Amino acid sequence: MTDKELAINERLDALQKQSVEHTRASLEYMEKMGIRPEGKFGLFLPPDYREKEIHRLPYAHAVRQQVVYETEKGEFSALCPFSGLPDYGVLRIEYVPGSYILELKSLKYYIMSWRHIGVAQEDVTAYIYQDVYRQLQDAHYLKITTDYNIRGGINTSCVVDSREQQ
């Protein structure tokens, strides 16, 4: 086996181990709450596995404008930490830039990185807010909204707005 093949195998082994550990921890947490998964569930990764970098570009204009990025249905998903099933939704990022705007290609990679991560809908919204807020640094405001597909007759929308933070 070549060095490159060994490195790939080591990465795959580490990824598999991390997935098993996180899935096991989620199942143990659910058990403490009296929740047992119904049917089949798959392995998923922890939130720390998400893409960490969203590139930004300078915004050098005095004019304030509202910037809105919104995914199409089916483009944004994470995995339910209780079942491993995908939670599909629409992600909406809106802000008024200060010194920076987000670079779209890296934002797309960031959004896609959630697809194999097991995390509650409310938690993923908070993580995305924190990650984007950190990149924008001094946005005049930032609002993250996730609107998930209806599951079991319940629609879930989560909103984090910088204007409502302390």
N, C-alpha and C. Protein backbone atom coordinates (compact mmCIF):
# COMPACT_ATOMS: atom_id res chain seq x y z
N MET A 1 0.83 -1.18 0.00
CA MET A 1 0.00 0.00 0.00
C MET A 1 0.88 1.25 0.00
N THR A 2 0.49 2.25 -0.77
CA THR A 2 1.27 3.48 -0.85
C THR A 2 1.00 4.35 0.39
N ASP A 3 1.86 5.35 0.57
CA ASP A 3 1.66 6.28 1.69
C ASP A 3 0.33 7.01 1.57
N LYS A 4 -0.03 7.35 0.34
CA LYS A 4 -1.31 8.03 0.12
C LYS A 4 -2.48 7.14 0.50
N GLU A 5 -2.41 5.87 0.11
CA GLU A 5 -3.48 4.92 0.45
C GLU A 5 -3.55 4.70 1.96
N LEU A 6 -2.41 4.63 2.61
CA LEU A 6 -2.39 4.49 4.07
C LEU A 6 -3.01 5.69 4.76
N ALA A 7 -2.70 6.88 4.27
CA ALA A 7 -3.26 8.10 4.85
C ALA A 7 -4.77 8.14 4.68
N ILE A 8 -5.26 7.74 3.50
CA ILE A 8 -6.71 7.70 3.26
C ILE A 8 -7.36 6.69 4.20
N ASN A 9 -6.77 5.52 4.33
CA ASN A 9 -7.33 4.50 5.23
C ASN A 9 -7.35 4.98 6.68
N GLU A 10 -6.30 5.67 7.10
CA GLU A 10 -6.26 6.21 8.47
C GLU A 10 -7.36 7.23 8.68
N ARG A 11 -7.58 8.09 7.69
CA ARG A 11 -8.65 9.09 7.78
C ARG A 11 -10.02 8.43 7.84
N LEU A 12 -10.21 7.41 7.02
CA LEU A 12 -11.49 6.70 7.04
C LEU A 12 -11.73 5.99 8.37
N ASP A 13 -10.69 5.36 8.91
CA ASP A 13 -10.81 4.69 10.20
C ASP A 13 -11.15 5.70 11.31
N ALA A 14 -10.50 6.84 11.28
CA ALA A 14 -10.77 7.88 12.29
C ALA A 14 -12.20 8.41 12.15
N LEU A 15 -12.64 8.61 10.92
CA LEU A 15 -14.00 9.09 10.67
C LEU A 15 -15.03 8.07 11.15
N GLN A 16 -14.79 6.81 10.86
CA GLN A 16 -15.71 5.76 11.30
C GLN A 16 -15.77 5.70 12.83
N LYS A 17 -14.63 5.77 13.47
CA LYS A 17 -14.58 5.73 14.93
C LYS A 17 -15.33 6.91 15.52
N GLN A 18 -15.12 8.10 14.96
CA GLN A 18 -15.79 9.29 15.45
C GLN A 18 -17.31 9.18 15.26
N SER A 19 -17.75 8.64 14.12
CA SER A 19 -19.18 8.46 13.86
C SER A 19 -19.80 7.49 14.86
N VAL A 20 -19.13 6.38 15.10
CA VAL A 20 -19.65 5.39 16.05
C VAL A 20 -19.73 5.98 17.46
N GLU A 21 -18.67 6.67 17.88
CA GLU A 21 -18.65 7.27 19.22
C GLU A 21 -19.76 8.30 19.39
N HIS A 22 -19.95 9.17 18.39
CA HIS A 22 -20.97 10.21 18.50
C HIS A 22 -22.37 9.59 18.47
N THR A 23 -22.59 8.62 17.60
CA THR A 23 -23.89 7.96 17.53
C THR A 23 -24.18 7.25 18.84
N ARG A 24 -23.21 6.55 19.38
CA ARG A 24 -23.39 5.86 20.66
C ARG A 24 -23.71 6.86 21.78
N ALA A 25 -22.99 7.97 21.83
CA ALA A 25 -23.25 8.98 22.86
C ALA A 25 -24.66 9.55 22.72
N SER A 26 -25.12 9.77 21.49
CA SER A 26 -26.48 10.27 21.28
C SER A 26 -27.52 9.26 21.73
N LEU A 27 -27.29 7.99 21.42
CA LEU A 27 -28.23 6.95 21.84
C LEU A 27 -28.26 6.83 23.36
N GLU A 28 -27.11 6.94 24.01
CA GLU A 28 -27.07 6.88 25.48
C GLU A 28 -27.79 8.08 26.08
N TYR A 29 -27.63 9.24 25.49
CA TYR A 29 -28.33 10.44 25.96
C TYR A 29 -29.84 10.25 25.82
N MET A 30 -30.27 9.75 24.66
CA MET A 30 -31.69 9.50 24.44
C MET A 30 -32.23 8.52 25.47
N GLU A 31 -31.47 7.47 25.76
CA GLU A 31 -31.90 6.46 26.72
C GLU A 31 -32.15 7.08 28.09
N LYS A 32 -31.28 8.03 28.50
CA LYS A 32 -31.46 8.72 29.78
C LYS A 32 -32.77 9.51 29.80
N MET A 33 -33.21 9.97 28.63
CA MET A 33 -34.44 10.74 28.52
C MET A 33 -35.66 9.84 28.28
N GLY A 34 -35.41 8.53 28.23
CA GLY A 34 -36.50 7.58 28.01
C GLY A 34 -36.91 7.45 26.56
N ILE A 35 -36.03 7.89 25.64
CA ILE A 35 -36.35 7.84 24.21
C ILE A 35 -35.53 6.72 23.57
N ARG A 36 -36.22 5.89 22.82
CA ARG A 36 -35.53 4.82 22.09
C ARG A 36 -35.81 4.99 20.61
N PRO A 37 -34.79 4.82 19.79
CA PRO A 37 -35.02 4.99 18.35
C PRO A 37 -35.96 3.90 17.84
N GLU A 38 -36.82 4.31 16.94
CA GLU A 38 -37.74 3.36 16.32
C GLU A 38 -37.17 2.98 14.96
N GLY A 39 -37.20 1.73 14.65
CA GLY A 39 -36.73 1.28 13.35
C GLY A 39 -35.23 1.41 13.21
N LYS A 40 -34.80 1.66 11.99
CA LYS A 40 -33.37 1.73 11.69
C LYS A 40 -32.84 3.13 11.95
N PHE A 41 -31.55 3.21 12.23
CA PHE A 41 -30.87 4.50 12.30
C PHE A 41 -29.47 4.29 11.76
N GLY A 42 -28.87 5.36 11.33
CA GLY A 42 -27.54 5.27 10.76
C GLY A 42 -26.53 6.00 11.60
N LEU A 43 -25.29 5.88 11.20
CA LEU A 43 -24.22 6.61 11.89
C LEU A 43 -24.23 8.06 11.44
N PHE A 44 -23.81 8.93 12.34
CA PHE A 44 -23.69 10.33 11.99
C PHE A 44 -22.52 10.93 12.75
N LEU A 45 -22.09 12.08 12.27
CA LEU A 45 -20.92 12.76 12.82
C LEU A 45 -21.34 13.84 13.82
N PRO A 46 -20.43 14.22 14.71
CA PRO A 46 -20.74 15.30 15.66
C PRO A 46 -20.62 16.67 14.99
N PRO A 47 -21.23 17.71 15.60
CA PRO A 47 -21.17 19.05 15.02
C PRO A 47 -19.74 19.57 14.80
N ASP A 48 -18.79 19.12 15.59
CA ASP A 48 -17.40 19.58 15.41
C ASP A 48 -16.83 19.19 14.05
N TYR A 49 -17.47 18.26 13.36
CA TYR A 49 -16.98 17.81 12.06
C TYR A 49 -17.37 18.77 10.94
N ARG A 50 -18.24 19.73 11.21
CA ARG A 50 -18.69 20.65 10.15
C ARG A 50 -17.50 21.44 9.59
N GLU A 51 -17.69 21.96 8.41
CA GLU A 51 -16.69 22.83 7.80
C GLU A 51 -16.48 24.02 8.73
N LYS A 52 -15.25 24.36 8.99
CA LYS A 52 -14.96 25.43 9.94
C LYS A 52 -14.74 26.79 9.27
N GLU A 53 -14.46 26.78 7.99
CA GLU A 53 -14.08 28.03 7.34
C GLU A 53 -15.12 28.48 6.32
N ILE A 54 -15.55 29.71 6.50
CA ILE A 54 -16.36 30.38 5.50
C ILE A 54 -15.54 31.61 5.10
N HIS A 55 -15.17 31.68 3.85
CA HIS A 55 -14.37 32.82 3.41
C HIS A 55 -15.21 34.08 3.38
N ARG A 56 -14.55 35.19 3.49
CA ARG A 56 -15.24 36.46 3.45
C ARG A 56 -14.48 37.41 2.53
N LEU A 57 -15.20 38.40 2.05
CA LEU A 57 -14.64 39.41 1.17
C LEU A 57 -14.88 40.78 1.82
N PRO A 58 -14.00 41.74 1.56
CA PRO A 58 -14.21 43.07 2.13
C PRO A 58 -15.46 43.72 1.54
N TYR A 59 -16.15 44.44 2.37
CA TYR A 59 -17.28 45.26 1.93
C TYR A 59 -16.88 46.71 2.18
N ALA A 60 -16.57 47.43 1.12
CA ALA A 60 -15.96 48.76 1.25
C ALA A 60 -16.92 49.89 0.90
N HIS A 61 -18.22 49.66 1.08
CA HIS A 61 -19.19 50.68 0.71
C HIS A 61 -19.80 51.33 1.95
N ALA A 62 -20.09 52.60 1.85
CA ALA A 62 -20.73 53.32 2.96
C ALA A 62 -22.22 53.01 3.01
N VAL A 63 -22.79 52.63 1.88
CA VAL A 63 -24.22 52.35 1.82
C VAL A 63 -24.54 51.04 2.56
N ARG A 64 -25.60 51.07 3.33
CA ARG A 64 -26.05 49.85 4.01
C ARG A 64 -27.02 49.13 3.10
N GLN A 65 -26.78 47.84 2.93
CA GLN A 65 -27.71 47.04 2.15
C GLN A 65 -27.99 45.75 2.90
N GLN A 66 -29.16 45.23 2.70
CA GLN A 66 -29.50 43.94 3.30
C GLN A 66 -29.10 42.85 2.32
N VAL A 67 -28.36 41.87 2.80
CA VAL A 67 -27.94 40.73 2.00
C VAL A 67 -28.70 39.51 2.50
N VAL A 68 -29.28 38.74 1.56
CA VAL A 68 -30.04 37.55 1.93
C VAL A 68 -29.55 36.38 1.08
N TYR A 69 -29.19 35.30 1.75
CA TYR A 69 -28.87 34.04 1.08
C TYR A 69 -29.92 33.04 1.55
N GLU A 70 -30.53 32.33 0.61
CA GLU A 70 -31.55 31.35 1.00
C GLU A 70 -31.38 30.12 0.12
N THR A 71 -31.32 28.97 0.76
CA THR A 71 -31.17 27.72 0.01
C THR A 71 -32.49 27.32 -0.61
N GLU A 72 -32.40 26.57 -1.67
CA GLU A 72 -33.57 25.92 -2.25
C GLU A 72 -33.96 24.75 -1.36
N LYS A 73 -35.20 24.31 -1.43
CA LYS A 73 -35.62 23.14 -0.68
C LYS A 73 -34.75 21.95 -1.09
N GLY A 74 -34.32 21.19 -0.11
CA GLY A 74 -33.50 20.00 -0.36
C GLY A 74 -32.01 20.26 -0.38
N GLU A 75 -31.59 21.52 -0.39
CA GLU A 75 -30.16 21.85 -0.42
C GLU A 75 -29.53 21.85 0.97
N PHE A 76 -30.34 22.05 1.99
CA PHE A 76 -29.82 22.10 3.36
C PHE A 76 -30.43 20.96 4.16
N SER A 77 -29.57 20.21 4.83
CA SER A 77 -30.05 19.15 5.71
C SER A 77 -28.98 18.81 6.74
N ALA A 78 -29.46 18.26 7.83
CA ALA A 78 -28.62 17.66 8.85
C ALA A 78 -29.35 16.38 9.24
N LEU A 79 -28.75 15.59 10.11
CA LEU A 79 -29.37 14.33 10.50
C LEU A 79 -29.97 14.44 11.89
N CYS A 80 -31.15 13.85 12.05
CA CYS A 80 -31.78 13.80 13.37
C CYS A 80 -30.91 12.95 14.29
N PRO A 81 -30.52 13.48 15.45
CA PRO A 81 -29.65 12.70 16.33
C PRO A 81 -30.37 11.55 17.02
N PHE A 82 -31.69 11.48 16.87
CA PHE A 82 -32.44 10.39 17.48
C PHE A 82 -32.70 9.24 16.52
N SER A 83 -32.83 9.57 15.25
CA SER A 83 -33.14 8.52 14.28
C SER A 83 -32.07 8.36 13.22
N GLY A 84 -31.24 9.38 13.01
CA GLY A 84 -30.28 9.35 11.92
C GLY A 84 -30.90 9.70 10.58
N LEU A 85 -32.21 9.99 10.57
CA LEU A 85 -32.90 10.37 9.34
C LEU A 85 -32.61 11.83 9.00
N PRO A 86 -32.63 12.17 7.72
CA PRO A 86 -32.32 13.56 7.35
C PRO A 86 -33.46 14.51 7.72
N ASP A 87 -33.08 15.66 8.24
CA ASP A 87 -33.99 16.78 8.46
C ASP A 87 -33.71 17.79 7.37
N TYR A 88 -34.60 17.85 6.38
CA TYR A 88 -34.43 18.79 5.27
C TYR A 88 -35.12 20.10 5.61
N GLY A 89 -34.53 21.18 5.16
CA GLY A 89 -35.14 22.47 5.40
C GLY A 89 -34.54 23.53 4.51
N VAL A 90 -35.01 24.73 4.72
CA VAL A 90 -34.50 25.90 4.02
C VAL A 90 -33.71 26.72 5.03
N LEU A 91 -32.51 27.08 4.66
CA LEU A 91 -31.66 27.93 5.48
C LEU A 91 -31.67 29.33 4.88
N ARG A 92 -31.94 30.31 5.73
CA ARG A 92 -31.95 31.71 5.30
C ARG A 92 -30.97 32.48 6.17
N ILE A 93 -30.03 33.16 5.53
CA ILE A 93 -29.06 34.01 6.21
C ILE A 93 -29.30 35.42 5.72
N GLU A 94 -29.59 36.33 6.64
CA GLU A 94 -29.76 37.73 6.23
C GLU A 94 -28.94 38.60 7.16
N TYR A 95 -28.33 39.61 6.57
CA TYR A 95 -27.50 40.52 7.35
C TYR A 95 -27.30 41.83 6.61
N VAL A 96 -26.89 42.83 7.36
CA VAL A 96 -26.41 44.08 6.79
C VAL A 96 -24.92 44.11 7.07
N PRO A 97 -24.09 44.08 6.03
CA PRO A 97 -22.66 43.97 6.23
C PRO A 97 -22.05 45.18 6.92
N GLY A 98 -21.01 44.88 7.68
CA GLY A 98 -20.14 45.91 8.22
C GLY A 98 -18.92 45.96 7.33
N SER A 99 -17.85 45.29 7.75
CA SER A 99 -16.60 45.28 6.98
C SER A 99 -16.52 44.16 5.96
N TYR A 100 -17.39 43.12 6.09
CA TYR A 100 -17.25 41.92 5.26
C TYR A 100 -18.59 41.41 4.74
N ILE A 101 -18.50 40.67 3.62
CA ILE A 101 -19.59 39.85 3.10
C ILE A 101 -19.07 38.42 3.00
N LEU A 102 -19.98 37.47 2.91
CA LEU A 102 -19.58 36.06 2.81
C LEU A 102 -19.30 35.70 1.35
N GLU A 103 -18.33 34.86 1.14
CA GLU A 103 -17.99 34.34 -0.19
C GLU A 103 -18.87 33.11 -0.43
N LEU A 104 -19.59 33.08 -1.54
CA LEU A 104 -20.65 32.09 -1.73
C LEU A 104 -20.18 30.65 -1.91
N LYS A 105 -19.07 30.43 -2.61
CA LYS A 105 -18.63 29.04 -2.81
C LYS A 105 -18.30 28.39 -1.47
N SER A 106 -17.56 29.08 -0.62
CA SER A 106 -17.21 28.50 0.68
C SER A 106 -18.45 28.40 1.57
N LEU A 107 -19.41 29.31 1.41
CA LEU A 107 -20.67 29.19 2.15
C LEU A 107 -21.41 27.93 1.74
N LYS A 108 -21.41 27.63 0.45
CA LYS A 108 -22.06 26.41 -0.04
C LYS A 108 -21.40 25.16 0.55
N TYR A 109 -20.07 25.13 0.58
CA TYR A 109 -19.37 23.99 1.18
C TYR A 109 -19.70 23.88 2.67
N TYR A 110 -19.79 25.01 3.34
CA TYR A 110 -20.15 25.01 4.75
C TYR A 110 -21.56 24.42 4.94
N ILE A 111 -22.51 24.88 4.13
CA ILE A 111 -23.89 24.39 4.24
C ILE A 111 -23.94 22.89 3.98
N MET A 112 -23.23 22.44 2.96
CA MET A 112 -23.22 21.00 2.63
C MET A 112 -22.57 20.17 3.73
N SER A 113 -21.68 20.76 4.50
CA SER A 113 -20.96 19.99 5.53
C SER A 113 -21.88 19.50 6.65
N TRP A 114 -23.08 20.03 6.75
CA TRP A 114 -24.02 19.60 7.79
C TRP A 114 -24.73 18.30 7.44
N ARG A 115 -24.64 17.84 6.22
CA ARG A 115 -25.44 16.69 5.75
C ARG A 115 -25.21 15.39 6.50
N HIS A 116 -24.07 15.20 7.08
CA HIS A 116 -23.78 13.93 7.77
C HIS A 116 -23.62 14.13 9.26
N ILE A 117 -24.10 15.24 9.76
CA ILE A 117 -23.94 15.58 11.17
C ILE A 117 -25.26 15.37 11.89
N GLY A 118 -25.20 14.67 13.00
CA GLY A 118 -26.38 14.43 13.83
C GLY A 118 -26.51 15.54 14.86
N VAL A 119 -27.57 16.34 14.73
CA VAL A 119 -27.73 17.50 15.59
C VAL A 119 -29.21 17.91 15.59
N ALA A 120 -29.69 18.36 16.74
CA ALA A 120 -31.07 18.84 16.83
C ALA A 120 -31.24 20.09 15.97
N GLN A 121 -32.45 20.28 15.48
CA GLN A 121 -32.73 21.40 14.59
C GLN A 121 -32.41 22.74 15.25
N GLU A 122 -32.76 22.87 16.52
CA GLU A 122 -32.49 24.12 17.23
C GLU A 122 -30.99 24.34 17.40
N ASP A 123 -30.26 23.27 17.63
CA ASP A 123 -28.81 23.38 17.81
C ASP A 123 -28.10 23.79 16.52
N VAL A 124 -28.50 23.19 15.39
CA VAL A 124 -27.83 23.53 14.13
C VAL A 124 -28.02 25.01 13.81
N THR A 125 -29.19 25.55 14.13
CA THR A 125 -29.45 26.97 13.88
C THR A 125 -28.50 27.84 14.71
N ALA A 126 -28.32 27.47 15.98
CA ALA A 126 -27.42 28.22 16.85
C ALA A 126 -25.97 28.11 16.38
N TYR A 127 -25.55 26.91 15.96
CA TYR A 127 -24.17 26.74 15.45
C TYR A 127 -23.94 27.61 14.22
N ILE A 128 -24.89 27.60 13.29
CA ILE A 128 -24.72 28.37 12.06
C ILE A 128 -24.64 29.86 12.40
N TYR A 129 -25.50 30.32 13.30
CA TYR A 129 -25.46 31.72 13.71
C TYR A 129 -24.07 32.07 14.26
N GLN A 130 -23.56 31.25 15.16
CA GLN A 130 -22.26 31.52 15.77
C GLN A 130 -21.14 31.54 14.73
N ASP A 131 -21.17 30.59 13.81
CA ASP A 131 -20.12 30.51 12.78
C ASP A 131 -20.16 31.72 11.84
N VAL A 132 -21.35 32.08 11.37
CA VAL A 132 -21.47 33.21 10.44
C VAL A 132 -21.17 34.52 11.16
N TYR A 133 -21.67 34.67 12.38
CA TYR A 133 -21.41 35.88 13.16
C TYR A 133 -19.90 36.11 13.34
N ARG A 134 -19.19 35.03 13.63
CA ARG A 134 -17.74 35.11 13.81
C ARG A 134 -17.05 35.58 12.52
N GLN A 135 -17.51 35.12 11.38
CA GLN A 135 -16.89 35.50 10.11
C GLN A 135 -17.20 36.95 9.73
N LEU A 136 -18.42 37.37 9.98
CA LEU A 136 -18.80 38.73 9.59
C LEU A 136 -18.24 39.79 10.55
N GLN A 137 -17.93 39.41 11.74
CA GLN A 137 -17.33 40.24 12.79
C GLN A 137 -18.16 41.43 13.21
N ASP A 138 -18.47 42.33 12.30
CA ASP A 138 -19.11 43.57 12.71
C ASP A 138 -20.35 43.89 11.86
N ALA A 139 -21.10 42.85 11.50
CA ALA A 139 -22.33 43.09 10.74
C ALA A 139 -23.27 43.94 11.59
N HIS A 140 -24.04 44.79 10.92
CA HIS A 140 -24.99 45.64 11.65
C HIS A 140 -26.10 44.81 12.26
N TYR A 141 -26.46 43.74 11.60
CA TYR A 141 -27.31 42.71 12.21
C TYR A 141 -27.15 41.43 11.41
N LEU A 142 -27.48 40.32 12.05
CA LEU A 142 -27.44 39.01 11.42
C LEU A 142 -28.64 38.22 11.91
N LYS A 143 -29.32 37.60 10.98
CA LYS A 143 -30.48 36.77 11.33
C LYS A 143 -30.36 35.45 10.59
N ILE A 144 -30.41 34.35 11.33
CA ILE A 144 -30.37 33.00 10.76
C ILE A 144 -31.73 32.36 11.00
N THR A 145 -32.32 31.83 9.93
CA THR A 145 -33.61 31.14 10.04
C THR A 145 -33.48 29.77 9.38
N THR A 146 -33.93 28.75 10.07
CA THR A 146 -34.05 27.42 9.47
C THR A 146 -35.53 27.05 9.53
N ASP A 147 -36.06 26.64 8.41
CA ASP A 147 -37.46 26.25 8.31
C ASP A 147 -37.48 24.83 7.76
N TYR A 148 -37.80 23.89 8.65
CA TYR A 148 -37.68 22.47 8.30
C TYR A 148 -38.96 21.92 7.69
N ASN A 149 -38.80 20.87 6.88
CA ASN A 149 -39.95 20.18 6.32
C ASN A 149 -40.81 19.65 7.47
N ILE A 150 -42.08 19.60 7.24
CA ILE A 150 -43.01 19.11 8.25
C ILE A 150 -42.72 17.63 8.53
N ARG A 151 -42.64 17.31 9.81
CA ARG A 151 -42.42 15.92 10.23
C ARG A 151 -43.45 15.60 11.31
N GLY A 152 -44.22 14.56 11.07
CA GLY A 152 -45.23 14.17 12.05
C GLY A 152 -46.29 15.24 12.26
N GLY A 153 -46.54 16.03 11.22
CA GLY A 153 -47.55 17.07 11.32
C GLY A 153 -47.09 18.32 12.05
N ILE A 154 -45.79 18.39 12.36
CA ILE A 154 -45.26 19.55 13.09
C ILE A 154 -44.25 20.27 12.21
N ASN A 155 -44.48 21.56 12.00
CA ASN A 155 -43.52 22.39 11.28
C ASN A 155 -42.59 23.03 12.30
N THR A 156 -41.30 23.00 12.04
CA THR A 156 -40.32 23.61 12.94
C THR A 156 -39.58 24.71 12.21
N SER A 157 -39.62 25.91 12.77
CA SER A 157 -38.82 27.03 12.30
C SER A 157 -38.00 27.52 13.48
N CYS A 158 -36.72 27.78 13.25
CA CYS A 158 -35.84 28.28 14.30
C CYS A 158 -35.22 29.59 13.80
N VAL A 159 -35.16 30.58 14.68
CA VAL A 159 -34.64 31.89 14.30
C VAL A 159 -33.69 32.37 15.39
N VAL A 160 -32.49 32.81 14.98
CA VAL A 160 -31.57 33.50 15.88
C VAL A 160 -31.28 34.84 15.22
N ASP A 161 -31.56 35.93 15.96
CA ASP A 161 -31.43 37.28 15.44
C ASP A 161 -30.49 38.05 16.38
N SER A 162 -29.44 38.65 15.81
CA SER A 162 -28.47 39.37 16.64
C SER A 162 -29.11 40.52 17.40
N ARG A 163 -30.19 41.07 16.87
CA ARG A 163 -30.85 42.19 17.54
C ARG A 163 -31.57 41.77 18.81
N GLU A 164 -31.71 40.45 18.98
CA GLU A 164 -32.38 39.94 20.18
C GLU A 164 -31.41 39.29 21.16
N GLN A 165 -30.12 39.40 20.87
CA GLN A 165 -29.11 38.83 21.75
C GLN A 165 -28.65 39.89 22.74
N GLN A 166 -28.11 39.44 23.86
CA GLN A 166 -27.66 40.38 24.90
C GLN A 166 -26.20 40.72 24.71
